[in-house]
Amino acid sequence: MDYLLVCSVALFASALTLVSGFGLGTLLMPAFAVFFPLPAAIAATAIVHLANNLFSLGLVARYADRRVLIAFGIPATVAALVGAATLRLLSEVAPLHTWKIGTHACEITTVKLVIAALIIGFALLDLLPVFSRLTIGPRLLPLGGALSGFFGGLSGHQGTLRAAFLMRAGLSKETYVGMNAVCGVLVDIARLLVYGLAYFTLSASHASRGGVSPLLVGAACLAAFAGSFVGSRLIKKMTLESLRIGVAVLLIVSGIALGAGLL
């Protein structure tokens, strides 16, 4: 049951992530958390997320734009270090509210509410006809990179804000997908440098209560690779407009779920 659930989520979320720019970490961590303690689930998700981003990078790196990488990717990487350090400082802050769905506890925190508001705001703007004709110029790309990198390090929800900015940057759909992969790798490496060892230490300390099996993590990585491969085949069949609307809808749904404490 654990292999079926985790690998199915990894495959679907990976295909979604390659095309939309977000989804793998958001969906996969709760799947791991069904079977293992939260620290172990976070550690396992970090491994799969980075491994999948590296695999995706091999598929679509040729689409990346060097100028966008300098303007967006570098600020994102630096800000991810700051966000990850902030996460460690805020790790002891109590949730604002806790509620349950059955036996599942949902926590509403300040960080989640702020990110949710940003996600939904960007998505709603993206769906407005007037905003659909606007573009984000080179001057605003460093701001978008810094925001997405910071929140990526802070909560792991880097792809949603990155997608909101890059979708308005006037990129082709191939360049958009390529830049998502490149920036994802950079931010993953940066945040793991700051808090990765702490999470893996916590995971090891819970081994007596069922640490994550290396075989399960490996299977999830393979499923994620398969999902990325499927996603790369779908790029040519999608129009930029359908991708824009689809991403906006997913942003709104994920923002509402995050703000409510479901994610």
C-alpha atoms as a PDB file:
ATOM      1  CA  MET A   1       0.000   0.000   0.000  1.00  0.00           C
ATOM      2  CA  ASP A   2       2.812   2.424   0.882  1.00  0.00           C
ATOM      3  CA  TYR A   3       4.626   1.803  -2.431  1.00  0.00           C
ATOM      4  CA  LEU A   4       1.420   2.156  -4.448  1.00  0.00           C
ATOM      5  CA  LEU A   5       0.367   5.437  -2.843  1.00  0.00           C
ATOM      6  CA  VAL A   6       3.783   7.115  -2.708  1.00  0.00           C
ATOM      7  CA  CYS A   7       4.826   6.061  -6.225  1.00  0.00           C
ATOM      8  CA  SER A   8       1.470   7.020  -7.756  1.00  0.00           C
ATOM      9  CA  VAL A   9       1.628  10.469  -6.176  1.00  0.00           C
ATOM     10  CA  ALA A  10       5.273  10.871  -7.238  1.00  0.00           C
ATOM     11  CA  LEU A  11       4.495   9.984 -10.869  1.00  0.00           C
ATOM     12  CA  PHE A  12       1.475  12.283 -11.184  1.00  0.00           C
ATOM     13  CA  ALA A  13       3.013  15.188  -9.266  1.00  0.00           C
ATOM     14  CA  SER A  14       6.266  14.959 -11.213  1.00  0.00           C
ATOM     15  CA  ALA A  15       4.473  15.205 -14.568  1.00  0.00           C
ATOM     16  CA  LEU A  16       2.494  18.153 -13.198  1.00  0.00           C
ATOM     17  CA  THR A  17       5.640  19.810 -11.861  1.00  0.00           C
ATOM     18  CA  LEU A  18       7.569  19.581 -15.131  1.00  0.00           C
ATOM     19  CA  VAL A  19       4.772  21.362 -17.004  1.00  0.00           C
ATOM     20  CA  SER A  20       3.444  23.759 -14.366  1.00  0.00           C
ATOM     21  CA  GLY A  21       6.567  24.334 -12.288  1.00  0.00           C
ATOM     22  CA  PHE A  22       5.166  23.184  -8.935  1.00  0.00           C
ATOM     23  CA  GLY A  23       3.364  20.328  -7.233  1.00  0.00           C
ATOM     24  CA  LEU A  24       5.843  17.540  -6.448  1.00  0.00           C
ATOM     25  CA  GLY A  25       6.902  18.585  -2.953  1.00  0.00           C
ATOM     26  CA  THR A  26       3.441  19.844  -2.025  1.00  0.00           C
ATOM     27  CA  LEU A  27       1.757  16.538  -2.901  1.00  0.00           C
ATOM     28  CA  LEU A  28       4.500  14.032  -2.108  1.00  0.00           C
ATOM     29  CA  MET A  29       5.331  15.088   1.458  1.00  0.00           C
ATOM     30  CA  PRO A  30       1.789  14.388   2.757  1.00  0.00           C
ATOM     31  CA  ALA A  31       1.901  10.985   1.031  1.00  0.00           C
ATOM     32  CA  PHE A  32       5.132  10.093   2.861  1.00  0.00           C
ATOM     33  CA  ALA A  33       3.674  11.518   6.091  1.00  0.00           C
ATOM     34  CA  VAL A  34       0.809   9.002   5.957  1.00  0.00           C
ATOM     35  CA  PHE A  35       3.280   6.228   6.723  1.00  0.00           C
ATOM     36  CA  PHE A  36       6.221   7.900   8.498  1.00  0.00           C
ATOM     37  CA  PRO A  37       6.970  10.596  11.123  1.00  0.00           C
ATOM     38  CA  LEU A  38       6.978  14.132   9.698  1.00  0.00           C
ATOM     39  CA  PRO A  39      10.762  14.677   9.933  1.00  0.00           C
ATOM     40  CA  ALA A  40      11.347  11.456   8.017  1.00  0.00           C
ATOM     41  CA  ALA A  41       8.710  12.460   5.449  1.00  0.00           C
ATOM     42  CA  ILE A  42      10.397  15.842   4.940  1.00  0.00           C
ATOM     43  CA  ALA A  43      13.789  14.213   4.489  1.00  0.00           C
ATOM     44  CA  ALA A  44      12.460  11.671   1.988  1.00  0.00           C
ATOM     45  CA  THR A  45      10.613  14.356   0.015  1.00  0.00           C
ATOM     46  CA  ALA A  46      13.769  16.466  -0.163  1.00  0.00           C
ATOM     47  CA  ILE A  47      15.681  13.569  -1.722  1.00  0.00           C
ATOM     48  CA  VAL A  48      13.005  12.828  -4.329  1.00  0.00           C
ATOM     49  CA  HIS A  49      12.452  16.518  -5.095  1.00  0.00           C
ATOM     50  CA  LEU A  50      16.110  17.223  -5.821  1.00  0.00           C
ATOM     51  CA  ALA A  51      16.649  13.957  -7.694  1.00  0.00           C
ATOM     52  CA  ASN A  52      13.614  14.628  -9.876  1.00  0.00           C
ATOM     53  CA  ASN A  53      14.694  18.211 -10.559  1.00  0.00           C
ATOM     54  CA  LEU A  54      18.093  16.950 -11.682  1.00  0.00           C
ATOM     55  CA  PHE A  55      16.418  14.402 -13.967  1.00  0.00           C
ATOM     56  CA  SER A  56      14.038  17.044 -15.326  1.00  0.00           C
ATOM     57  CA  LEU A  57      16.990  19.340 -15.918  1.00  0.00           C
ATOM     58  CA  GLY A  58      18.514  16.732 -18.213  1.00  0.00           C
ATOM     59  CA  LEU A  59      15.295  16.640 -20.248  1.00  0.00           C
ATOM     60  CA  VAL A  60      14.661  20.370 -20.644  1.00  0.00           C
ATOM     61  CA  ALA A  61      17.889  22.231 -19.754  1.00  0.00           C
ATOM     62  CA  ARG A  62      18.393  23.114 -23.421  1.00  0.00           C
ATOM     63  CA  TYR A  63      15.334  25.360 -23.236  1.00  0.00           C
ATOM     64  CA  ALA A  64      16.740  27.514 -20.412  1.00  0.00           C
ATOM     65  CA  ASP A  65      17.645  31.144 -21.068  1.00  0.00           C
ATOM     66  CA  ARG A  66      20.943  32.402 -19.656  1.00  0.00           C
ATOM     67  CA  ARG A  67      19.698  35.969 -19.183  1.00  0.00           C
ATOM     68  CA  VAL A  68      16.661  34.791 -17.223  1.00  0.00           C
ATOM     69  CA  LEU A  69      18.897  32.487 -15.194  1.00  0.00           C
ATOM     70  CA  ILE A  70      21.099  35.423 -14.146  1.00  0.00           C
ATOM     71  CA  ALA A  71      18.194  37.778 -13.460  1.00  0.00           C
ATOM     72  CA  PHE A  72      15.895  35.244 -11.773  1.00  0.00           C
ATOM     73  CA  GLY A  73      17.847  32.141 -10.774  1.00  0.00           C
ATOM     74  CA  ILE A  74      20.713  33.763  -8.891  1.00  0.00           C
ATOM     75  CA  PRO A  75      18.463  35.942  -6.659  1.00  0.00           C
ATOM     76  CA  ALA A  76      16.309  32.864  -6.029  1.00  0.00           C
ATOM     77  CA  THR A  77      19.313  30.844  -4.883  1.00  0.00           C
ATOM     78  CA  VAL A  78      20.592  33.522  -2.500  1.00  0.00           C
ATOM     79  CA  ALA A  79      17.115  34.185  -1.104  1.00  0.00           C
ATOM     80  CA  ALA A  80      16.569  30.437  -0.571  1.00  0.00           C
ATOM     81  CA  LEU A  81      19.488  30.435   1.869  1.00  0.00           C
ATOM     82  CA  VAL A  82      17.857  33.283   3.804  1.00  0.00           C
ATOM     83  CA  GLY A  83      14.442  31.590   3.733  1.00  0.00           C
ATOM     84  CA  ALA A  84      15.841  28.289   4.980  1.00  0.00           C
ATOM     85  CA  ALA A  85      17.645  30.058   7.833  1.00  0.00           C
ATOM     86  CA  THR A  86      14.402  31.848   8.723  1.00  0.00           C
ATOM     87  CA  LEU A  87      12.571  28.516   8.780  1.00  0.00           C
ATOM     88  CA  ARG A  88      14.921  27.200  11.432  1.00  0.00           C
ATOM     89  CA  LEU A  89      14.295  30.299  13.537  1.00  0.00           C
ATOM     90  CA  LEU A  90      10.510  29.976  13.219  1.00  0.00           C
ATOM     91  CA  SER A  91      10.358  26.227  13.730  1.00  0.00           C
ATOM     92  CA  GLU A  92       9.292  26.594  17.368  1.00  0.00           C
ATOM     93  CA  VAL A  93       6.491  29.138  16.772  1.00  0.00           C
ATOM     94  CA  ALA A  94       3.083  27.716  17.687  1.00  0.00           C
ATOM     95  CA  PRO A  95       0.381  27.417  14.989  1.00  0.00           C
ATOM     96  CA  LEU A  96      -2.358  30.053  14.954  1.00  0.00           C
ATOM     97  CA  HIS A  97      -5.098  27.433  14.829  1.00  0.00           C
ATOM     98  CA  THR A  98      -5.430  23.674  14.540  1.00  0.00           C
ATOM     99  CA  TRP A  99      -8.426  21.737  13.235  1.00  0.00           C
ATOM    100  CA  LYS A 100      -9.041  18.179  12.129  1.00  0.00           C
ATOM    101  CA  ILE A 101     -10.452  16.218   9.217  1.00  0.00           C
ATOM    102  CA  GLY A 102     -11.085  12.850  10.795  1.00  0.00           C
ATOM    103  CA  THR A 103      -7.797  11.973  12.437  1.00  0.00           C
ATOM    104  CA  HIS A 104      -5.726  14.329  10.258  1.00  0.00           C
ATOM    105  CA  ALA A 105      -4.621  17.515  12.051  1.00  0.00           C
ATOM    106  CA  CYS A 106      -4.559  20.667   9.880  1.00  0.00           C
ATOM    107  CA  GLU A 107      -2.375  23.531  11.106  1.00  0.00           C
ATOM    108  CA  ILE A 108      -2.878  27.178  10.112  1.00  0.00           C
ATOM    109  CA  THR A 109       0.335  29.151  10.512  1.00  0.00           C
ATOM    110  CA  THR A 110       1.448  32.700   9.768  1.00  0.00           C
ATOM    111  CA  VAL A 111       3.859  31.506   7.089  1.00  0.00           C
ATOM    112  CA  LYS A 112       1.170  29.469   5.326  1.00  0.00           C
ATOM    113  CA  LEU A 113      -1.300  32.350   5.378  1.00  0.00           C
ATOM    114  CA  VAL A 114       1.212  34.804   3.892  1.00  0.00           C
ATOM    115  CA  ILE A 115       2.233  32.417   1.124  1.00  0.00           C
ATOM    116  CA  ALA A 116      -1.389  31.482   0.401  1.00  0.00           C
ATOM    117  CA  ALA A 117      -2.348  35.152   0.033  1.00  0.00           C
ATOM    118  CA  LEU A 118       0.525  35.736  -2.402  1.00  0.00           C
ATOM    119  CA  ILE A 119      -0.295  32.611  -4.418  1.00  0.00           C
ATOM    120  CA  ILE A 120      -3.998  33.403  -4.763  1.00  0.00           C
ATOM    121  CA  GLY A 121      -3.306  37.062  -5.503  1.00  0.00           C
ATOM    122  CA  PHE A 122      -0.929  36.268  -8.340  1.00  0.00           C
ATOM    123  CA  ALA A 123      -3.295  33.637  -9.746  1.00  0.00           C
ATOM    124  CA  LEU A 124      -6.339  35.935  -9.707  1.00  0.00           C
ATOM    125  CA  LEU A 125      -4.368  38.684 -11.420  1.00  0.00           C
ATOM    126  CA  ASP A 126      -3.237  36.183 -14.037  1.00  0.00           C
ATOM    127  CA  LEU A 127      -6.860  35.305 -14.872  1.00  0.00           C
ATOM    128  CA  LEU A 128      -7.930  38.945 -15.360  1.00  0.00           C
ATOM    129  CA  PRO A 129      -8.117  39.903 -19.071  1.00  0.00           C
ATOM    130  CA  VAL A 130      -6.230  43.156 -18.489  1.00  0.00           C
ATOM    131  CA  PHE A 131      -3.407  41.422 -16.649  1.00  0.00           C
ATOM    132  CA  SER A 132      -3.157  38.731 -19.325  1.00  0.00           C
ATOM    133  CA  ARG A 133      -1.874  41.396 -21.729  1.00  0.00           C
ATOM    134  CA  LEU A 134       0.805  42.577 -19.325  1.00  0.00           C
ATOM    135  CA  THR A 135       4.350  41.270 -19.117  1.00  0.00           C
ATOM    136  CA  ILE A 136       6.945  41.324 -16.363  1.00  0.00           C
ATOM    137  CA  GLY A 137      10.020  43.115 -17.611  1.00  0.00           C
ATOM    138  CA  PRO A 138      13.641  42.271 -16.811  1.00  0.00           C
ATOM    139  CA  ARG A 139      13.655  44.768 -13.919  1.00  0.00           C
ATOM    140  CA  LEU A 140      11.119  42.720 -11.955  1.00  0.00           C
ATOM    141  CA  LEU A 141      12.650  39.291 -12.559  1.00  0.00           C
ATOM    142  CA  PRO A 142      15.159  39.635  -9.670  1.00  0.00           C
ATOM    143  CA  LEU A 143      12.254  40.479  -7.339  1.00  0.00           C
ATOM    144  CA  GLY A 144      10.351  37.410  -8.515  1.00  0.00           C
ATOM    145  CA  GLY A 145      13.419  35.231  -8.070  1.00  0.00           C
ATOM    146  CA  ALA A 146      14.052  36.571  -4.584  1.00  0.00           C
ATOM    147  CA  LEU A 147      10.436  36.056  -3.473  1.00  0.00           C
ATOM    148  CA  SER A 148      10.147  32.531  -4.882  1.00  0.00           C
ATOM    149  CA  GLY A 149      13.567  31.535  -3.536  1.00  0.00           C
ATOM    150  CA  PHE A 150      12.892  32.952  -0.078  1.00  0.00           C
ATOM    151  CA  PHE A 151       9.560  31.160   0.300  1.00  0.00           C
ATOM    152  CA  GLY A 152      11.073  28.041  -1.229  1.00  0.00           C
ATOM    153  CA  GLY A 153      13.627  27.984   1.553  1.00  0.00           C
ATOM    154  CA  LEU A 154      11.052  28.989   4.148  1.00  0.00           C
ATOM    155  CA  SER A 155       8.299  26.476   3.377  1.00  0.00           C
ATOM    156  CA  GLY A 156       9.290  24.460   0.311  1.00  0.00           C
ATOM    157  CA  HIS A 157       6.563  26.129  -1.783  1.00  0.00           C
ATOM    158  CA  GLN A 158       8.962  27.629  -4.282  1.00  0.00           C
ATOM    159  CA  GLY A 159       7.295  26.545  -7.522  1.00  0.00           C
ATOM    160  CA  THR A 160       4.009  28.380  -7.071  1.00  0.00           C
ATOM    161  CA  LEU A 161       5.509  31.860  -6.824  1.00  0.00           C
ATOM    162  CA  ARG A 162       8.121  31.061  -9.458  1.00  0.00           C
ATOM    163  CA  ALA A 163       5.377  29.979 -11.850  1.00  0.00           C
ATOM    164  CA  ALA A 164       3.388  33.150 -11.203  1.00  0.00           C
ATOM    165  CA  PHE A 165       6.345  35.352 -12.203  1.00  0.00           C
ATOM    166  CA  LEU A 166       7.771  33.321 -15.077  1.00  0.00           C
ATOM    167  CA  MET A 167       4.357  32.905 -16.698  1.00  0.00           C
ATOM    168  CA  ARG A 168       4.227  36.717 -17.077  1.00  0.00           C
ATOM    169  CA  ALA A 169       7.820  37.120 -18.249  1.00  0.00           C
ATOM    170  CA  GLY A 170       7.042  36.682 -21.949  1.00  0.00           C
ATOM    171  CA  LEU A 171       8.847  33.342 -22.205  1.00  0.00           C
ATOM    172  CA  SER A 172       8.001  30.594 -24.662  1.00  0.00           C
ATOM    173  CA  LYS A 173       6.462  27.510 -23.075  1.00  0.00           C
ATOM    174  CA  GLU A 174       9.709  25.569 -23.643  1.00  0.00           C
ATOM    175  CA  THR A 175      11.838  28.276 -22.012  1.00  0.00           C
ATOM    176  CA  TYR A 176       9.350  28.510 -19.145  1.00  0.00           C
ATOM    177  CA  VAL A 177       9.644  24.770 -18.472  1.00  0.00           C
ATOM    178  CA  GLY A 178      13.435  24.836 -18.813  1.00  0.00           C
ATOM    179  CA  MET A 179      13.819  27.741 -16.397  1.00  0.00           C
ATOM    180  CA  ASN A 180      11.557  26.036 -13.859  1.00  0.00           C
ATOM    181  CA  ALA A 181      13.844  23.005 -13.882  1.00  0.00           C
ATOM    182  CA  VAL A 182      17.067  25.008 -13.564  1.00  0.00           C
ATOM    183  CA  CYS A 183      15.772  27.251 -10.771  1.00  0.00           C
ATOM    184  CA  GLY A 184      14.278  24.266  -8.959  1.00  0.00           C
ATOM    185  CA  VAL A 185      17.673  22.566  -8.768  1.00  0.00           C
ATOM    186  CA  LEU A 186      19.417  25.723  -7.551  1.00  0.00           C
ATOM    187  CA  VAL A 187      16.866  26.412  -4.815  1.00  0.00           C
ATOM    188  CA  ASP A 188      16.767  22.761  -3.696  1.00  0.00           C
ATOM    189  CA  ILE A 189      20.542  22.648  -3.284  1.00  0.00           C
ATOM    190  CA  ALA A 190      20.576  25.959  -1.407  1.00  0.00           C
ATOM    191  CA  ARG A 191      17.861  25.005   1.077  1.00  0.00           C
ATOM    192  CA  LEU A 192      19.284  21.544   1.691  1.00  0.00           C
ATOM    193  CA  LEU A 193      22.645  23.125   2.522  1.00  0.00           C
ATOM    194  CA  VAL A 194      20.978  25.049   5.352  1.00  0.00           C
ATOM    195  CA  TYR A 195      18.479  22.646   6.901  1.00  0.00           C
ATOM    196  CA  GLY A 196      18.994  19.359   5.132  1.00  0.00           C
ATOM    197  CA  LEU A 197      21.321  17.893   7.735  1.00  0.00           C
ATOM    198  CA  ALA A 198      18.943  18.840  10.545  1.00  0.00           C
ATOM    199  CA  TYR A 199      16.021  17.108   8.842  1.00  0.00           C
ATOM    200  CA  PHE A 200      18.025  13.987   8.084  1.00  0.00           C
ATOM    201  CA  THR A 201      19.245  13.866  11.691  1.00  0.00           C
ATOM    202  CA  LEU A 202      15.645  14.092  12.890  1.00  0.00           C
ATOM    203  CA  SER A 203      14.696  11.368  10.450  1.00  0.00           C
ATOM    204  CA  ALA A 204      17.408   9.082  11.781  1.00  0.00           C
ATOM    205  CA  SER A 205      16.309   9.730  15.369  1.00  0.00           C
ATOM    206  CA  HIS A 206      12.852   8.410  14.468  1.00  0.00           C
ATOM    207  CA  ALA A 207      14.199   5.227  12.911  1.00  0.00           C
ATOM    208  CA  SER A 208      12.970   3.190  15.852  1.00  0.00           C
ATOM    209  CA  ARG A 209       9.427   4.345  15.016  1.00  0.00           C
ATOM    210  CA  GLY A 210       9.725   3.485  11.354  1.00  0.00           C
ATOM    211  CA  GLY A 211      12.307   5.456   9.397  1.00  0.00           C
ATOM    212  CA  VAL A 212      11.775   5.863   5.685  1.00  0.00           C
ATOM    213  CA  SER A 213      12.953   2.854   3.730  1.00  0.00           C
ATOM    214  CA  PRO A 214      15.698   3.611   1.160  1.00  0.00           C
ATOM    215  CA  LEU A 215      13.871   1.241  -1.191  1.00  0.00           C
ATOM    216  CA  LEU A 216      10.692   3.312  -0.933  1.00  0.00           C
ATOM    217  CA  VAL A 217      12.606   6.535  -1.574  1.00  0.00           C
ATOM    218  CA  GLY A 218      14.318   4.913  -4.550  1.00  0.00           C
ATOM    219  CA  ALA A 219      11.000   3.697  -5.933  1.00  0.00           C
ATOM    220  CA  ALA A 220       9.521   7.180  -5.528  1.00  0.00           C
ATOM    221  CA  CYS A 221      12.499   8.656  -7.398  1.00  0.00           C
ATOM    222  CA  LEU A 222      11.996   6.232 -10.290  1.00  0.00           C
ATOM    223  CA  ALA A 223       8.259   7.016 -10.382  1.00  0.00           C
ATOM    224  CA  ALA A 224       9.057  10.733 -10.404  1.00  0.00           C
ATOM    225  CA  PHE A 225      11.507  10.234 -13.267  1.00  0.00           C
ATOM    226  CA  ALA A 226       8.777   8.460 -15.239  1.00  0.00           C
ATOM    227  CA  GLY A 227       6.389  11.326 -14.520  1.00  0.00           C
ATOM    228  CA  SER A 228       8.930  13.890 -15.732  1.00  0.00           C
ATOM    229  CA  PHE A 229       9.431  11.897 -18.930  1.00  0.00           C
ATOM    230  CA  VAL A 230       5.670  11.838 -19.540  1.00  0.00           C
ATOM    231  CA  GLY A 231       5.456  15.556 -18.803  1.00  0.00           C
ATOM    232  CA  SER A 232       8.232  16.335 -21.285  1.00  0.00           C
ATOM    233  CA  ARG A 233       6.198  14.593 -24.017  1.00  0.00           C
ATOM    234  CA  LEU A 234       3.154  16.727 -23.205  1.00  0.00           C
ATOM    235  CA  ILE A 235       4.927  20.077 -23.614  1.00  0.00           C
ATOM    236  CA  LYS A 236       4.635  20.150 -27.414  1.00  0.00           C
ATOM    237  CA  LYS A 237       0.926  19.271 -27.269  1.00  0.00           C
ATOM    238  CA  MET A 238      -0.049  22.149 -24.997  1.00  0.00           C
ATOM    239  CA  THR A 239      -0.648  25.767 -25.937  1.00  0.00           C
ATOM    240  CA  LEU A 240       0.814  28.540 -23.800  1.00  0.00           C
ATOM    241  CA  GLU A 241      -2.707  29.872 -23.108  1.00  0.00           C
ATOM    242  CA  SER A 242      -3.965  26.526 -21.804  1.00  0.00           C
ATOM    243  CA  LEU A 243      -0.838  26.215 -19.686  1.00  0.00           C
ATOM    244  CA  ARG A 244      -1.366  29.748 -18.301  1.00  0.00           C
ATOM    245  CA  ILE A 245      -4.976  29.078 -17.316  1.00  0.00           C
ATOM    246  CA  GLY A 246      -4.179  25.644 -15.920  1.00  0.00           C
ATOM    247  CA  VAL A 247      -1.360  27.009 -13.771  1.00  0.00           C
ATOM    248  CA  ALA A 248      -3.581  29.848 -12.490  1.00  0.00           C
ATOM    249  CA  VAL A 249      -6.319  27.411 -11.439  1.00  0.00           C
ATOM    250  CA  LEU A 250      -3.814  25.143  -9.703  1.00  0.00           C
ATOM    251  CA  LEU A 251      -2.326  28.174  -7.940  1.00  0.00           C
ATOM    252  CA  ILE A 252      -5.723  29.143  -6.545  1.00  0.00           C
ATOM    253  CA  VAL A 253      -6.538  25.600  -5.393  1.00  0.00           C
ATOM    254  CA  SER A 254      -3.140  25.113  -3.760  1.00  0.00           C
ATOM    255  CA  GLY A 255      -3.321  28.570  -2.151  1.00  0.00           C
ATOM    256  CA  ILE A 256      -6.697  27.858  -0.580  1.00  0.00           C
ATOM    257  CA  ALA A 257      -5.553  24.438   0.646  1.00  0.00           C
ATOM    258  CA  LEU A 258      -2.345  25.895   2.061  1.00  0.00           C
ATOM    259  CA  GLY A 259      -4.099  28.764   3.850  1.00  0.00           C
ATOM    260  CA  ALA A 260      -6.599  26.334   5.370  1.00  0.00           C
ATOM    261  CA  GLY A 261      -3.810  24.167   6.707  1.00  0.00           C
ATOM    262  CA  LEU A 262      -4.585  21.204   4.459  1.00  0.00           C
ATOM    263  CA  LEU A 263      -1.039  21.238   3.027  1.00  0.00           C
END
